[in-house]
Amino acid sequence: MPDPTLELVLRGEHIALDALLKASGLAPSGGTARQWIVAGEVEVDGVVETRKTAKIRAGQVVCVHASGGQRVRVSAPG
């Protein structure tokens, strides 16, 4: 079975959590991303994160329960 984890390459040092969900295609809109975060549907490195603009950096893994447990691994540019 293939690894369902998506890869997102940063353009800078970090990305806001709500922007990451939208940029990765998991959330259809920024509003949906923010709703999922506030509802406790999103984990960063295994811990529920409810701050919409939490800074996500290279090496972190985001799991979205609202999208069936889809995971996004964040990596550094280059």
Protein backbone atom coordinates (compact mmCIF):
# COMPACT_ATOMS: atom_id res chain seq x y z
CA MET A 1 0.00 0.00 0.00
CA PRO A 2 1.50 3.39 -0.96
CA ASP A 3 2.22 6.03 1.68
CA PRO A 4 -0.74 8.48 1.64
CA THR A 5 1.44 11.31 2.99
CA LEU A 6 1.64 14.40 0.80
CA GLU A 7 4.80 16.47 0.59
CA LEU A 8 4.74 20.28 0.79
CA VAL A 9 7.94 22.22 0.10
CA LEU A 10 8.19 25.53 1.92
CA ARG A 11 8.99 28.74 0.06
CA GLY A 12 10.30 30.43 3.21
CA GLU A 13 11.04 29.48 6.81
CA HIS A 14 7.45 28.60 7.72
CA ILE A 15 3.81 28.58 6.62
CA ALA A 16 0.67 29.28 8.65
CA LEU A 17 -1.32 26.14 9.41
CA ASP A 18 -4.50 27.35 7.68
CA ALA A 19 -2.50 28.36 4.59
CA LEU A 20 -0.80 24.94 4.53
CA LEU A 21 -4.15 23.13 4.47
CA LYS A 22 -5.32 25.24 1.55
CA ALA A 23 -1.98 25.13 -0.33
CA SER A 24 -1.79 21.33 -0.03
CA GLY A 25 -5.28 20.98 -1.51
CA LEU A 26 -6.71 19.25 1.55
CA ALA A 27 -9.05 22.12 2.41
CA PRO A 28 -11.15 23.58 -0.40
CA SER A 29 -10.92 27.06 1.14
CA GLY A 30 -9.22 29.01 3.88
CA GLY A 31 -12.53 29.17 5.73
CA THR A 32 -12.86 25.40 5.75
CA ALA A 33 -9.25 25.05 6.92
CA ARG A 34 -9.91 27.43 9.83
CA GLN A 35 -13.11 25.56 10.79
CA TRP A 36 -11.24 22.24 10.90
CA ILE A 37 -8.45 23.73 13.02
CA VAL A 38 -10.81 25.35 15.55
CA ALA A 39 -12.82 22.09 15.75
CA GLY A 40 -9.69 20.15 16.76
CA GLU A 41 -9.55 18.16 13.52
CA VAL A 42 -5.88 18.95 12.82
CA GLU A 43 -2.76 17.59 14.52
CA VAL A 44 0.81 18.82 14.18
CA ASP A 45 3.41 16.19 15.09
CA GLY A 46 0.70 14.14 16.84
CA VAL A 47 -0.69 16.99 18.97
CA VAL A 48 -4.01 18.74 18.29
CA GLU A 49 -3.34 22.30 17.11
CA THR A 50 -6.13 24.88 17.42
CA ARG A 51 -4.15 28.00 16.47
CA LYS A 52 -5.12 28.86 12.89
CA THR A 53 -1.89 30.68 12.17
CA ALA A 54 0.50 28.31 13.98
CA LYS A 55 3.87 28.43 12.20
CA ILE A 56 4.60 25.11 10.51
CA ARG A 57 8.25 24.49 9.70
CA ALA A 58 10.29 21.96 7.74
CA GLY A 59 10.29 18.51 9.31
CA GLN A 60 6.81 18.77 10.81
CA VAL A 61 3.93 16.48 9.88
CA VAL A 62 0.32 17.68 9.82
CA CYS A 63 -2.55 15.18 10.03
CA VAL A 64 -6.08 16.22 9.05
CA HIS A 65 -8.79 14.01 10.54
CA ALA A 66 -11.51 15.92 8.66
CA SER A 67 -10.01 14.62 5.40
CA GLY A 68 -9.82 10.98 6.42
CA GLY A 69 -6.51 11.24 8.27
CA GLN A 70 -4.55 12.62 5.32
CA ARG A 71 -1.02 13.63 6.28
CA VAL A 72 1.25 16.38 4.95
CA ARG A 73 5.01 16.30 5.53
CA VAL A 74 6.63 19.72 5.31
CA SER A 75 10.10 20.00 3.82
CA ALA A 76 12.64 22.76 3.29
CA PRO A 77 13.14 24.31 -0.14
CA GLY A 78 15.95 23.02 -2.35
